[in-house]
Protein backbone atom coordinates (compact mmCIF):
# COMPACT_ATOMS: atom_id res chain seq x y z
CA MET A 1 16.74 29.55 -18.64
CA LYS A 2 14.08 28.10 -16.46
CA LYS A 3 16.64 25.91 -14.63
CA LEU A 4 18.82 28.97 -13.97
CA ALA A 5 15.96 30.88 -12.71
CA VAL A 6 15.01 28.13 -10.29
CA LEU A 7 18.59 27.86 -9.15
CA ALA A 8 18.82 31.68 -8.70
CA LEU A 9 15.52 31.43 -6.58
CA ALA A 10 17.14 28.87 -4.32
CA LEU A 11 20.09 31.01 -3.72
CA LEU A 12 17.93 34.01 -3.09
CA LEU A 13 15.95 31.96 -0.42
CA LEU A 14 19.28 31.08 1.29
CA ILE A 15 20.12 34.82 1.90
CA THR A 16 16.68 36.32 2.37
CA PRO A 17 14.84 35.87 5.80
CA ILE A 18 11.21 35.65 5.81
CA SER A 19 9.64 38.71 7.07
CA GLY A 20 8.19 38.31 10.64
CA CYS A 21 9.68 34.87 11.03
CA ALA A 22 11.34 35.11 14.48
CA PRO A 23 9.77 32.26 16.57
CA GLU A 24 9.89 32.59 20.26
CA ASN A 25 11.33 29.09 20.69
CA SER A 26 13.30 28.72 17.44
CA ALA A 27 14.96 26.51 17.50
CA GLU A 28 26.69 -0.63 -0.51
CA VAL A 29 23.89 1.15 -3.06
CA VAL A 30 25.80 -0.36 -5.98
CA THR A 31 24.69 1.22 -9.25
CA GLU A 32 25.57 -0.76 -12.40
CA THR A 33 24.83 -0.17 -15.96
CA ASP A 34 22.57 -3.10 -15.90
CA PRO A 35 21.84 -2.77 -12.10
CA GLU A 36 21.20 -5.45 -9.55
CA LEU A 37 19.28 -4.53 -6.48
CA LEU A 38 21.19 -5.80 -3.51
CA ILE A 39 19.55 -5.07 -0.25
CA THR A 40 21.12 -5.90 2.98
CA ASN A 41 20.20 -4.92 6.37
CA LEU A 42 22.36 -5.27 9.58
CA GLU A 43 21.65 -7.04 12.72
CA SER A 44 24.47 -7.34 15.26
CA ASP A 45 24.81 -9.84 17.96
CA ALA A 46 25.85 -7.74 20.83
CA GLN A 47 26.96 -10.54 23.14
CA GLU A 48 29.11 -12.16 20.57
CA ALA A 49 30.06 -9.21 18.64
CA THR A 50 29.60 -11.01 15.52
CA THR A 51 27.67 -9.99 12.29
CA ASP A 52 25.85 -12.20 10.04
CA VAL A 53 26.13 -11.01 6.39
CA ALA A 54 23.54 -12.06 3.78
CA ALA A 55 22.13 -10.40 0.76
CA LEU A 56 19.35 -10.48 -1.75
CA ASP A 57 20.27 -10.10 -5.42
CA LEU A 58 17.51 -8.90 -7.69
CA ASP A 59 18.27 -8.29 -11.28
CA SER A 60 17.28 -5.26 -12.95
CA ASP A 61 13.91 -6.62 -14.01
CA SER A 62 12.96 -7.65 -10.49
CA ASN A 63 10.29 -5.89 -8.52
CA PRO A 64 12.19 -3.27 -6.29
CA ASN A 65 9.35 -3.37 -3.86
CA SER A 66 9.70 -7.08 -2.98
CA ASP A 67 9.28 -7.84 0.73
CA SER A 68 11.99 -10.49 0.66
CA TYR A 69 15.33 -9.43 2.13
CA SER A 70 17.90 -10.68 4.58
CA ASP A 71 20.02 -9.27 7.45
CA SER A 72 23.57 -8.19 6.96
CA GLU A 73 26.16 -5.55 7.94
CA SER A 74 25.03 -2.47 6.01
CA ILE A 75 22.44 -1.45 3.49
CA THR A 76 23.60 -1.75 -0.11
CA VAL A 77 21.05 -0.83 -2.57
CA ALA A 78 21.01 -0.22 -6.37
CA THR A 79 19.89 3.39 -6.96
CA PRO A 80 16.14 2.88 -7.53
CA GLY A 81 13.98 4.63 -10.18
CA GLU A 82 12.26 7.70 -9.01
CA THR A 83 8.83 7.06 -7.50
CA ALA A 84 8.09 10.38 -5.72
CA SER A 85 5.61 12.57 -7.66
CA GLN A 86 7.35 15.87 -6.80
CA PHE A 87 10.33 14.97 -8.99
CA SER A 88 10.11 16.98 -12.23
CA SER A 89 12.55 14.74 -14.28
CA GLU A 90 14.61 11.72 -14.03
CA PRO A 91 18.20 12.30 -12.89
CA GLN A 92 20.69 11.69 -15.62
CA PRO A 93 23.00 8.71 -15.56
CA THR A 94 26.75 8.74 -15.21
CA SER A 95 29.27 6.69 -17.17
CA SER A 96 32.69 6.77 -15.91
CA SER A 97 34.74 6.89 -12.67
CA THR A 98 37.68 9.01 -11.54
CA ARG A 99 40.35 6.34 -11.82
CA GLU A 100 40.53 4.03 -14.77
CA GLY A 101 39.16 0.59 -13.81
CA GLU A 102 37.90 1.63 -10.39
CA LYS A 103 34.45 2.74 -9.19
CA LEU A 104 34.26 5.88 -7.16
CA SER A 105 33.31 4.93 -3.64
CA ILE A 106 31.05 7.08 -1.64
CA VAL A 107 29.99 6.28 1.93
CA CYS A 108 27.15 7.98 3.92
CA THR A 109 26.36 7.51 7.63
CA ALA A 110 22.64 8.22 7.27
CA PHE A 111 19.68 8.21 4.90
CA PRO A 112 19.32 11.91 4.01
CA GLN A 113 22.83 12.13 2.72
CA PHE A 114 22.43 8.70 0.94
CA ASP A 115 19.39 9.83 -0.76
CA TRP A 116 20.76 13.26 -1.96
CA VAL A 117 23.81 11.57 -3.36
CA ARG A 118 21.82 8.89 -5.33
CA HIS A 119 19.73 11.83 -6.97
CA ILE A 120 22.81 13.78 -7.70
CA LEU A 121 24.39 10.67 -9.31
CA GLY A 122 21.34 9.64 -11.29
CA ALA A 123 19.41 6.43 -11.59
CA GLY A 124 21.82 4.81 -14.01
CA ALA A 125 25.08 5.67 -12.32
CA GLY A 126 27.21 2.84 -13.60
CA ASN A 127 30.59 3.27 -12.06
CA VAL A 128 29.82 4.40 -8.41
CA THR A 129 29.55 2.35 -5.28
CA LEU A 130 27.19 4.21 -2.78
CA THR A 131 26.94 2.85 0.77
CA LEU A 132 24.58 3.60 3.55
CA LEU A 133 26.19 2.62 6.88
CA GLN A 134 23.17 3.11 9.15
CA ARG A 135 21.68 -0.09 9.95
CA ASP A 136 18.19 -1.15 9.18
CA GLY A 137 15.77 0.59 11.55
CA ILE A 138 18.54 1.66 13.99
CA ASP A 139 18.17 5.03 15.37
CA PHE A 140 20.67 7.60 14.13
CA HIS A 141 21.75 8.53 17.65
CA SER A 142 22.53 4.83 18.59
CA TYR A 143 24.42 3.72 15.41
CA GLN A 144 28.01 2.68 16.02
CA PRO A 145 30.32 1.51 13.17
CA SER A 146 31.31 -2.03 12.91
CA ASN A 147 34.91 -3.01 11.91
CA ASP A 148 33.78 -3.63 8.35
CA ASP A 149 32.14 -0.01 8.34
CA ILE A 150 35.40 1.35 9.32
CA VAL A 151 37.24 -0.41 6.60
CA LYS A 152 34.75 0.98 4.08
CA ILE A 153 35.15 4.44 5.26
CA ALA A 154 39.10 3.97 5.14
CA ASN A 155 38.85 2.70 1.44
CA CYS A 156 36.24 5.20 0.13
CA ASP A 157 36.72 8.32 -1.90
CA LEU A 158 34.05 10.35 -0.21
CA PHE A 159 32.71 10.15 3.24
CA ILE A 160 29.72 12.07 4.11
CA TYR A 161 28.54 12.34 7.84
CA GLY A 162 26.64 14.56 10.08
CA GLY A 163 29.35 16.09 12.23
CA GLY A 164 27.37 16.14 15.57
CA ARG A 165 27.66 14.42 18.70
CA SER A 166 25.86 11.30 17.45
CA ASP A 167 28.57 10.54 14.92
CA GLY A 168 31.46 11.85 16.67
CA TRP A 169 33.21 8.66 16.08
CA ALA A 170 33.46 9.86 12.37
CA GLU A 171 36.14 12.53 13.14
CA GLU A 172 38.21 10.09 14.90
CA ILE A 173 38.11 7.59 12.01
CA LEU A 174 39.05 10.16 9.47
CA GLN A 175 42.02 11.30 11.58
CA GLN A 176 43.28 7.65 11.50
CA VAL A 177 42.56 7.04 7.95
CA MET A 178 45.95 6.76 6.00
CA ASN A 179 44.23 6.87 2.65
CA PRO A 180 45.15 10.25 1.11
CA ARG A 181 42.35 9.72 -1.54
CA THR A 182 39.46 9.99 1.18
CA VAL A 183 37.71 13.25 1.40
CA GLY A 184 35.34 13.80 4.31
CA ILE A 185 32.17 16.24 4.20
CA SER A 186 30.67 17.15 7.50
CA LEU A 187 27.12 18.67 7.27
CA MET A 188 27.61 20.60 10.45
CA ASP A 189 30.87 22.08 9.19
CA LEU A 190 29.10 23.09 5.96
CA GLN A 191 26.35 24.81 8.16
CA GLY A 192 28.97 26.88 9.86
CA ASP A 193 27.67 30.05 11.46
CA ALA A 194 24.10 29.04 10.67
CA LEU A 195 24.27 26.25 13.34
CA LEU A 196 21.57 26.57 16.03
CA PHE A 197 21.95 25.57 19.56
CA GLU A 198 19.69 22.87 21.06
CA ARG A 199 17.00 24.92 23.04
CA TYR A 200 15.33 24.23 26.10
CA SER A 201 11.92 25.80 25.46
CA ASP A 202 9.24 26.44 27.99
CA GLY A 203 8.27 23.22 29.67
CA MET A 204 11.06 21.06 28.36
CA GLU A 205 12.65 18.37 30.75
CA MET A 206 16.07 19.85 31.70
CA ASP A 207 18.53 19.99 34.55
CA ASP A 208 16.92 20.72 37.92
CA GLN A 209 18.47 24.16 38.21
CA PHE A 210 16.96 25.36 34.93
CA VAL A 211 13.29 24.17 35.29
CA ASN A 212 11.81 26.75 37.61
CA SER A 213 13.81 29.68 36.23
CA ASN A 214 12.80 28.72 32.72
CA ILE A 215 9.14 28.56 33.30
CA GLU A 216 8.96 31.63 35.53
CA GLN A 217 11.06 33.85 32.99
CA ASN A 218 9.16 32.43 30.06
CA GLN A 219 12.54 32.22 28.23
CA PRO A 220 14.11 29.33 26.36
CA GLN A 221 17.40 28.35 27.75
CA SER A 222 20.16 27.23 25.34
CA THR A 223 22.35 24.05 26.00
CA ASN A 224 25.85 23.89 25.16
CA GLU A 225 25.22 21.63 22.22
CA PHE A 226 24.73 22.66 18.66
CA ASP A 227 21.43 21.05 17.08
CA GLU A 228 22.79 18.36 14.88
CA HIS A 229 19.50 17.69 12.92
CA VAL A 230 20.71 20.01 10.06
CA TRP A 231 19.20 17.82 7.52
CA LEU A 232 15.61 18.74 8.66
CA SER A 233 15.82 22.11 6.76
CA LEU A 234 15.24 22.32 2.99
CA ARG A 235 17.29 25.41 2.92
CA ASN A 236 20.21 23.81 4.69
CA VAL A 237 20.01 21.02 2.04
CA PHE A 238 20.46 23.51 -0.77
CA VAL A 239 23.91 24.10 0.77
CA PHE A 240 24.72 20.57 1.45
CA THR A 241 23.82 19.17 -2.09
CA SER A 242 25.69 21.96 -3.79
CA ALA A 243 28.74 21.23 -1.79
CA ILE A 244 28.43 17.43 -2.49
CA THR A 245 28.04 17.99 -6.20
CA GLU A 246 31.09 20.32 -6.36
CA THR A 247 33.17 17.69 -4.58
CA LEU A 248 31.77 14.89 -6.97
CA SER A 249 32.58 17.15 -9.91
CA THR A 250 36.16 17.43 -8.86
CA MET A 251 36.57 13.81 -8.24
CA ASP A 252 34.85 12.77 -11.61
CA PRO A 253 35.27 15.93 -13.98
CA GLU A 254 34.09 13.95 -16.85
CA ASN A 255 30.54 13.81 -15.36
CA ASP A 256 30.55 17.37 -13.75
CA ILE A 257 27.88 18.61 -16.24
CA VAL A 258 25.72 15.50 -15.53
CA TYR A 259 26.02 16.08 -11.80
CA GLY A 260 25.34 19.75 -12.16
CA ASN A 261 22.16 19.12 -14.12
CA ASN A 262 20.90 16.59 -11.62
CA LEU A 263 21.53 19.06 -8.87
CA ILE A 264 19.58 21.84 -10.48
CA ASP A 265 16.74 19.34 -11.00
CA TYR A 266 16.93 18.49 -7.38
CA LEU A 267 17.14 22.00 -6.32
CA GLU A 268 14.05 22.73 -8.30
CA SER A 269 12.07 20.04 -6.37
CA MET A 270 13.26 21.56 -3.08
CA VAL A 271 12.33 25.09 -3.99
CA LEU A 272 8.88 24.07 -5.02
CA LEU A 273 8.48 22.12 -1.68
CA ASP A 274 9.95 25.13 0.13
CA VAL A 275 7.31 27.48 -1.50
CA LYS A 276 4.56 25.08 -0.43
CA TYR A 277 5.85 25.26 3.23
CA MET A 278 5.85 29.13 3.08
CA GLU A 279 2.48 29.28 1.68
CA ALA A 280 0.92 26.84 4.07
CA ILE A 281 2.37 28.57 7.18
CA GLU A 282 1.61 31.99 6.01
CA ALA A 283 -2.03 31.15 5.70
CA ALA A 284 -2.08 29.19 9.12
CA ASN A 285 -4.34 30.04 11.89
CA VAL A 286 -2.02 28.17 14.32
CA LYS A 287 1.51 28.90 14.50
CA THR A 288 2.52 27.06 17.62
CA ILE A 289 3.05 23.26 17.75
CA LEU A 290 3.38 21.11 20.95
CA PHE A 291 5.48 17.96 20.92
CA GLY A 292 4.94 15.26 23.63
CA ASP A 293 8.34 13.92 22.63
CA HIS A 294 11.91 14.99 21.68
CA PHE A 295 12.06 17.96 19.28
CA PRO A 296 14.47 17.59 16.40
CA PHE A 297 12.79 20.14 13.99
CA GLY A 298 14.57 23.41 15.15
CA TYR A 299 15.91 24.22 11.88
CA LEU A 300 12.63 23.55 10.00
CA PHE A 301 10.64 25.58 12.50
CA ASN A 302 13.29 28.41 12.40
CA ASP A 303 12.94 28.50 8.54
CA TYR A 304 9.19 29.23 8.64
CA GLY A 305 8.57 31.07 11.86
CA LEU A 306 6.84 28.43 13.69
CA SER A 307 6.96 28.32 17.60
CA TYR A 308 7.04 25.14 19.64
CA TYR A 309 6.80 23.57 23.06
CA ALA A 310 8.20 20.09 23.64
CA ALA A 311 9.25 17.71 26.37
CA PHE A 312 12.91 17.30 25.48
CA PRO A 313 15.38 18.81 23.14
CA GLY A 314 16.20 16.68 19.99
CA CYS A 315 19.34 14.90 21.25
CA SER A 316 18.20 14.49 24.90
CA THR A 317 18.65 10.99 26.12
CA GLU A 318 15.58 11.40 28.51
CA ALA A 319 12.68 9.18 27.89
CA GLU A 320 10.30 10.05 30.70
CA ALA A 321 9.04 13.44 31.54
CA ASP A 322 8.30 14.52 35.28
CA SER A 323 4.88 15.61 36.41
CA GLN A 324 5.85 19.29 36.36
CA ILE A 325 6.58 19.01 32.72
CA LEU A 326 3.43 17.05 31.84
CA VAL A 327 1.18 19.61 33.61
CA PHE A 328 2.76 22.54 31.98
CA LEU A 329 2.46 21.02 28.53
CA SER A 330 -1.16 19.88 29.26
CA GLU A 331 -1.99 23.52 30.34
CA LYS A 332 -0.49 24.83 27.15
CA VAL A 333 -2.72 22.55 25.04
CA ASP A 334 -5.65 24.29 26.81
CA GLU A 335 -4.25 27.69 26.71
CA LEU A 336 -3.69 27.53 22.94
CA SER A 337 -6.72 25.41 22.23
CA LEU A 338 -4.53 23.10 20.35
CA LYS A 339 -6.16 20.03 18.63
CA ASN A 340 -3.15 18.04 18.16
CA VAL A 341 0.01 16.87 19.89
CA PHE A 342 3.06 15.77 17.88
CA VAL A 343 5.44 13.06 18.23
CA THR A 344 8.47 11.75 16.18
CA GLU A 345 8.26 8.55 14.19
CA ASN A 346 9.88 6.29 16.84
CA SER A 347 7.88 7.50 19.71
CA ASP A 348 5.71 5.10 21.94
CA GLN A 349 3.44 8.16 22.27
CA SER A 350 3.07 7.60 26.03
CA ILE A 351 3.93 11.22 27.02
CA ALA A 352 1.56 12.49 24.22
CA ARG A 353 -1.18 10.49 25.55
CA THR A 354 -0.65 11.59 29.17
CA ILE A 355 -0.55 15.22 27.99
CA ILE A 356 -3.87 14.69 26.22
CA ASP A 357 -5.49 12.91 29.29
CA ASN A 358 -4.49 15.79 31.42
CA SER A 359 -6.05 18.51 29.14
CA LYS A 360 -9.63 19.73 29.44
CA ALA A 361 -10.84 18.40 26.21
CA LYS A 362 -8.95 15.07 26.26
CA ASN A 363 -9.69 14.48 22.56
CA GLN A 364 -6.52 15.77 20.85
CA GLU A 365 -5.19 13.80 17.94
CA ILE A 366 -1.76 12.63 17.89
CA LEU A 367 0.32 13.43 14.81
CA VAL A 368 3.65 12.12 13.68
CA MET A 369 6.41 13.88 12.00
CA ASN A 370 9.18 11.99 10.56
CA SER A 371 12.81 13.01 11.43
CA MET A 372 14.42 10.26 9.34
CA HIS A 373 16.42 8.97 12.30
CA SER A 374 15.85 5.32 11.44
CA VAL A 375 14.72 4.75 7.81
CA THR A 376 14.13 1.03 7.31
CA ALA A 377 15.07 -1.25 4.41
CA GLU A 378 11.39 -1.83 3.74
CA GLU A 379 10.69 1.77 3.48
CA MET A 380 13.55 2.11 0.87
CA ARG A 381 12.15 -0.70 -1.04
CA ASN A 382 8.88 1.14 -0.97
CA GLY A 383 10.40 4.17 -2.62
CA ILE A 384 10.90 6.52 0.41
CA THR A 385 13.06 9.64 -0.46
CA TYR A 386 14.15 12.65 1.50
CA LEU A 387 11.72 14.90 -0.36
CA SER A 388 8.82 12.48 0.04
CA VAL A 389 9.31 12.46 3.86
CA MET A 390 9.53 16.28 3.84
CA GLU A 391 6.50 16.60 1.85
CA GLU A 392 4.59 14.27 4.12
CA ASN A 393 5.69 16.26 7.13
CA LEU A 394 4.27 19.37 5.58
CA ASN A 395 0.95 17.48 5.04
CA VAL A 396 0.99 16.51 8.69
CA LEU A 397 1.69 20.16 9.81
CA LYS A 398 -1.15 21.40 7.66
CA GLU A 399 -3.57 19.25 9.74
CA ALA A 400 -2.53 21.16 12.87
CA ILE A 401 -2.20 24.78 11.69
CA LYS A 402 -5.38 25.02 9.56
């Protein structure tokens, strides 16, 4: 009954908006019965277009946090045991595949999808090959599939991808795949009418014809691009993980109850974290955040009614802000008496430092929020999960909004 109540709460949150939340700038893991840990990271030679493939095999008794690993074409990791404290129970293992004598093959383009699937499958999933294509430390926006990656997609049962501009190549591959067994899941397709446009909030670097009108009218301007950072909303992930579970249950009906129970446990963890976000932001004294960087957190901020200013939209290719933008953002820091300037995990922090240097106080702290654009193999060995990142993002936000 408790689990059913939690699931009902999750569904309720999906259809019930938070009162007053209308922000002005809203925005191969190989799992065996006796698993081996096989960690491989890709490093491509661009000039020669060759790939060095190597892998480290660790038997099930080895330390999963070992620093020893080698470069190769994609990341292949045995599903690790749960290490994040927020998980209420261990996922249940699976024991069979959809076709006799064959493993179910699942390919994910990015870490968040990969992590959701390994929790739905369970720590002991013995007959599933789960592959993360994104290369070690390579930014999600920069990743391009190798020939071997394309073969893996063509031969898999389930292919999960973002569906935005950054992995537009995925649709082309799916259209060319002749394997009738391959099913594709696009996160942006699942998001449907709930997709948000990328926004030029006040002060953002944009096309010249928009800059002056944007600042003078004090209105955000919409780009013509949907915001592809859909994974950065816990509430979106309720939908994504439910759809993934339903697809897995269809492919492997023998384990549909196992997948369903693991999903409910995972939804419970997400609901508890969602409540933490709501409570923290409801009690906040500050509800406007300033990014001296790209801003990929539109869905997250939209969920909880936070406003923001930023130098660039999330998918912008710009790396340097002009003086007008820097002055505008520095003045906003002073006007709002902000004590922090935010950046994302891969930022060199130069724009944030310039904003701080041009403020009156010049003593703001730079805080980092993680968008999971480029999770590394070392972080995976150390037990990083989607929920651990989202909880840490909440902890960082609390520092700024208290």
